[in-house]
Amino acid sequence: MQGYNQRLIEEMKNRQAQERARLPKIQRSEAKTRMAMFKKSLRITGTGTPEQDREKIKQ
């Protein structure tokens, strides 16, 4: 029984380590998607000159 529990703990640790390694990549891709959606929404609203739009994106 103790060996079984130890195996489960090791498996959980491995899974957690893999997830931790994948997390930055997932976060980067989600951030890119959000930024693209934000830029698209700015284009749809069309609030002025391209210079003003660039300023909004920088903020």
C-alpha atoms as a PDB file:
ATOM      1  CA  MET A   1       0.000   0.000   0.000  1.00  0.00           C
ATOM      2  CA  GLN A   2       2.792   2.402   0.864  1.00  0.00           C
ATOM      3  CA  GLY A   3       4.515   1.644  -2.442  1.00  0.00           C
ATOM      4  CA  TYR A   4       1.291   2.416  -4.294  1.00  0.00           C
ATOM      5  CA  ASN A   5       0.943   5.747  -2.499  1.00  0.00           C
ATOM      6  CA  GLN A   6       4.577   6.579  -3.209  1.00  0.00           C
ATOM      7  CA  ARG A   7       4.043   5.827  -6.905  1.00  0.00           C
ATOM      8  CA  LEU A   8       0.985   8.099  -6.978  1.00  0.00           C
ATOM      9  CA  ILE A   9       2.932  10.905  -5.329  1.00  0.00           C
ATOM     10  CA  GLU A  10       5.779  10.548  -7.835  1.00  0.00           C
ATOM     11  CA  GLU A  11       3.317  10.558 -10.712  1.00  0.00           C
ATOM     12  CA  MET A  12       1.663  13.709  -9.395  1.00  0.00           C
ATOM     13  CA  LYS A  13       5.053  15.414  -8.975  1.00  0.00           C
ATOM     14  CA  ASN A  14       6.004  14.544 -12.560  1.00  0.00           C
ATOM     15  CA  ARG A  15       2.696  15.828 -13.889  1.00  0.00           C
ATOM     16  CA  GLN A  16       3.050  19.049 -11.920  1.00  0.00           C
ATOM     17  CA  ALA A  17       6.596  19.593 -13.216  1.00  0.00           C
ATOM     18  CA  GLN A  18       5.436  19.114 -16.805  1.00  0.00           C
ATOM     19  CA  GLU A  19       2.580  21.566 -16.304  1.00  0.00           C
ATOM     20  CA  ARG A  20       4.926  24.116 -14.738  1.00  0.00           C
ATOM     21  CA  ALA A  21       7.230  23.838 -17.763  1.00  0.00           C
ATOM     22  CA  ARG A  22       4.344  24.323 -20.215  1.00  0.00           C
ATOM     23  CA  LEU A  23       2.767  27.257 -18.386  1.00  0.00           C
ATOM     24  CA  PRO A  24       4.965  30.113 -19.751  1.00  0.00           C
ATOM     25  CA  LYS A  25       4.372  28.974 -23.326  1.00  0.00           C
ATOM     26  CA  ILE A  26       0.613  28.829 -22.765  1.00  0.00           C
ATOM     27  CA  GLN A  27       0.613  32.259 -21.125  1.00  0.00           C
ATOM     28  CA  ARG A  28       2.586  33.790 -24.016  1.00  0.00           C
ATOM     29  CA  SER A  29       0.205  32.408 -26.617  1.00  0.00           C
ATOM     30  CA  GLU A  30      -2.826  33.616 -24.654  1.00  0.00           C
ATOM     31  CA  ALA A  31      -1.274  37.075 -24.286  1.00  0.00           C
ATOM     32  CA  LYS A  32      -0.662  37.242 -28.041  1.00  0.00           C
ATOM     33  CA  THR A  33      -4.265  36.263 -28.686  1.00  0.00           C
ATOM     34  CA  ARG A  34      -5.581  38.907 -26.281  1.00  0.00           C
ATOM     35  CA  MET A  35      -3.369  41.586 -27.848  1.00  0.00           C
ATOM     36  CA  ALA A  36      -4.567  40.662 -31.334  1.00  0.00           C
ATOM     37  CA  MET A  37      -8.193  40.849 -30.190  1.00  0.00           C
ATOM     38  CA  PHE A  38      -7.545  44.234 -28.555  1.00  0.00           C
ATOM     39  CA  LYS A  39      -5.932  45.636 -31.705  1.00  0.00           C
ATOM     40  CA  LYS A  40      -8.807  44.338 -33.789  1.00  0.00           C
ATOM     41  CA  SER A  41     -11.334  46.005 -31.476  1.00  0.00           C
ATOM     42  CA  LEU A  42      -9.431  49.289 -31.828  1.00  0.00           C
ATOM     43  CA  ARG A  43      -9.641  49.007 -35.596  1.00  0.00           C
ATOM     44  CA  ILE A  44     -13.368  48.309 -35.434  1.00  0.00           C
ATOM     45  CA  THR A  45     -14.077  51.371 -33.291  1.00  0.00           C
ATOM     46  CA  GLY A  46     -11.886  53.590 -35.496  1.00  0.00           C
ATOM     47  CA  THR A  47     -11.332  56.337 -32.935  1.00  0.00           C
ATOM     48  CA  GLY A  48      -9.075  58.559 -34.980  1.00  0.00           C
ATOM     49  CA  THR A  49      -5.690  58.728 -36.584  1.00  0.00           C
ATOM     50  CA  PRO A  50      -3.297  55.788 -36.688  1.00  0.00           C
ATOM     51  CA  GLU A  51      -0.992  57.758 -34.379  1.00  0.00           C
ATOM     52  CA  GLN A  52      -3.671  57.911 -31.697  1.00  0.00           C
ATOM     53  CA  ASP A  53      -4.302  54.194 -32.101  1.00  0.00           C
ATOM     54  CA  ARG A  54      -0.588  53.468 -31.593  1.00  0.00           C
ATOM     55  CA  GLU A  55      -0.645  55.502 -28.395  1.00  0.00           C
ATOM     56  CA  LYS A  56      -3.583  53.473 -27.089  1.00  0.00           C
ATOM     57  CA  ILE A  57      -1.779  50.232 -27.843  1.00  0.00           C
ATOM     58  CA  LYS A  58       1.325  51.420 -25.960  1.00  0.00           C
ATOM     59  CA  GLN A  59      -0.748  52.140 -22.863  1.00  0.00           C
END
